[in-house]
């Protein structure tokens, strides 16, 4: 699928559903690296942070992390992820306008549950 067609289809889903799954966006080795970095952050960095930056369903179980905020402020890998053209490209494609990245957050919220999540 051509890059432009892929972004157009993702934008249509985002506009319709409020979220879009983009298969392959973090695929292969990129996906493995990304997941390893998230695991590292959850296991090593998050426990050292002020509780106002990490939220768990059960604080005694790191795997129940619901949200981690401003990860780019506490970790070089996530800082570079925020600044990469690829992440900016998808945000601009889905939102339909230029973006100014603010922070890298993890949100473990299931789609269409609870309150809406801001872009």
Protein backbone atom coordinates (compact mmCIF):
# COMPACT_ATOMS: atom_id res chain seq x y z
CA UNK A 1 0.00 0.00 0.00
CA UNK A 2 1.39 3.39 -0.95
CA UNK A 3 2.38 5.63 1.97
CA UNK A 4 -0.17 8.34 1.05
CA UNK A 5 -3.00 5.79 0.79
CA UNK A 6 -2.04 4.27 4.15
CA UNK A 7 -2.17 7.69 5.85
CA UNK A 8 -5.47 8.56 4.17
CA UNK A 9 -7.06 5.30 5.36
CA UNK A 10 -5.71 5.86 8.89
CA UNK A 11 -7.08 9.43 8.92
CA UNK A 12 -10.53 8.19 7.87
CA UNK A 13 -10.54 5.66 10.74
CA UNK A 14 -9.26 8.28 13.18
CA UNK A 15 -11.96 10.77 12.16
CA UNK A 16 -14.67 8.10 12.37
CA UNK A 17 -13.59 6.24 15.52
CA UNK A 18 -11.39 8.67 17.45
CA UNK A 19 -8.40 6.32 17.15
CA UNK A 20 -6.61 4.49 14.38
CA UNK A 21 -4.54 1.34 14.31
CA UNK A 22 -1.74 1.67 11.77
CA UNK A 23 -0.38 -1.83 11.16
CA UNK A 24 3.36 -1.93 10.73
CA UNK A 25 3.99 1.59 12.04
CA UNK A 26 6.33 0.07 14.61
CA UNK A 27 6.99 -3.26 12.95
CA UNK A 28 9.79 -5.79 12.93
CA UNK A 29 12.97 -4.72 14.69
CA UNK A 30 11.50 -1.26 15.42
CA UNK A 31 8.62 -2.89 17.30
CA UNK A 32 10.94 -5.15 19.27
CA UNK A 33 13.11 -2.17 20.25
CA UNK A 34 10.10 -0.06 21.18
CA UNK A 35 8.59 -2.78 23.38
CA UNK A 36 11.96 -3.44 25.05
CA UNK A 37 12.34 0.27 25.80
CA UNK A 38 8.82 0.45 27.26
CA UNK A 39 9.57 -2.58 29.45
CA UNK A 40 12.83 -0.95 30.57
CA UNK A 41 11.07 2.31 31.35
CA UNK A 42 8.24 0.61 33.28
CA UNK A 43 10.66 -1.60 35.22
CA UNK A 44 13.55 0.80 35.87
CA UNK A 45 12.53 4.43 35.38
CA UNK A 46 8.86 4.60 36.40
CA UNK A 47 9.45 3.25 39.94
CA UNK A 48 11.85 6.15 40.61
CA UNK A 49 9.39 8.86 39.58
CA UNK A 50 7.05 11.05 41.55
CA UNK A 51 3.61 9.35 41.71
CA UNK A 52 2.17 12.33 39.81
CA UNK A 53 3.87 11.01 36.65
CA UNK A 54 2.90 7.32 36.78
CA UNK A 55 -0.48 5.77 37.51
CA UNK A 56 -1.16 2.11 38.25
CA UNK A 57 -4.25 0.06 38.80
CA UNK A 58 -2.25 -1.66 41.59
CA UNK A 59 0.95 0.17 42.60
CA UNK A 60 2.53 -3.06 43.87
CA UNK A 61 2.31 -4.58 40.35
CA UNK A 62 4.25 -2.63 37.66
CA UNK A 63 2.49 -4.57 34.90
CA UNK A 64 -0.76 -2.76 35.84
CA UNK A 65 0.60 0.60 34.65
CA UNK A 66 -2.29 2.63 33.26
CA UNK A 67 -0.46 5.82 32.36
CA UNK A 68 3.04 7.28 32.40
CA UNK A 69 3.35 10.97 31.65
CA UNK A 70 6.18 13.13 30.26
CA UNK A 71 8.44 10.14 29.62
CA UNK A 72 10.61 12.26 27.34
CA UNK A 73 11.58 14.44 30.31
CA UNK A 74 12.99 11.45 32.18
CA UNK A 75 14.48 9.29 29.43
CA UNK A 76 16.69 9.92 26.37
CA UNK A 77 15.11 7.16 24.26
CA UNK A 78 11.63 8.64 24.58
CA UNK A 79 12.97 12.15 24.06
CA UNK A 80 14.38 11.06 20.69
CA UNK A 81 11.13 9.23 19.86
CA UNK A 82 9.19 12.46 20.39
CA UNK A 83 11.50 14.37 18.11
CA UNK A 84 11.65 11.79 15.29
CA UNK A 85 10.05 12.68 12.00
CA UNK A 86 8.12 9.41 11.87
CA UNK A 87 6.05 10.09 14.99
CA UNK A 88 5.45 13.66 13.94
CA UNK A 89 4.41 12.47 10.45
CA UNK A 90 1.67 10.19 11.80
CA UNK A 91 0.39 12.84 14.22
CA UNK A 92 0.17 15.41 11.44
CA UNK A 93 -1.50 12.92 9.10
CA UNK A 94 -4.15 11.96 11.66
CA UNK A 95 -4.80 15.46 12.98
CA UNK A 96 -4.64 17.09 9.55
CA UNK A 97 -2.34 19.94 10.57
CA UNK A 98 1.21 20.67 11.76
CA UNK A 99 1.94 19.60 15.32
CA UNK A 100 4.29 20.69 18.08
CA UNK A 101 5.01 17.57 20.16
CA UNK A 102 4.49 18.19 23.86
CA UNK A 103 5.38 14.92 25.57
CA UNK A 104 5.60 11.15 25.27
CA UNK A 105 3.03 9.35 27.39
CA UNK A 106 1.86 5.75 27.69
CA UNK A 107 -1.86 5.29 28.07
CA UNK A 108 -3.08 1.77 28.69
CA UNK A 109 -6.74 2.62 28.20
CA UNK A 110 -8.92 0.41 26.04
CA UNK A 111 -10.66 2.15 23.11
CA UNK A 112 -14.21 3.46 23.65
CA UNK A 113 -14.05 3.16 27.43
CA UNK A 114 -13.98 5.88 30.06
CA UNK A 115 -13.27 9.48 29.14
CA UNK A 116 -11.77 10.53 25.83
CA UNK A 117 -8.01 10.77 25.53
CA UNK A 118 -6.57 14.01 24.07
CA UNK A 119 -4.32 13.75 20.99
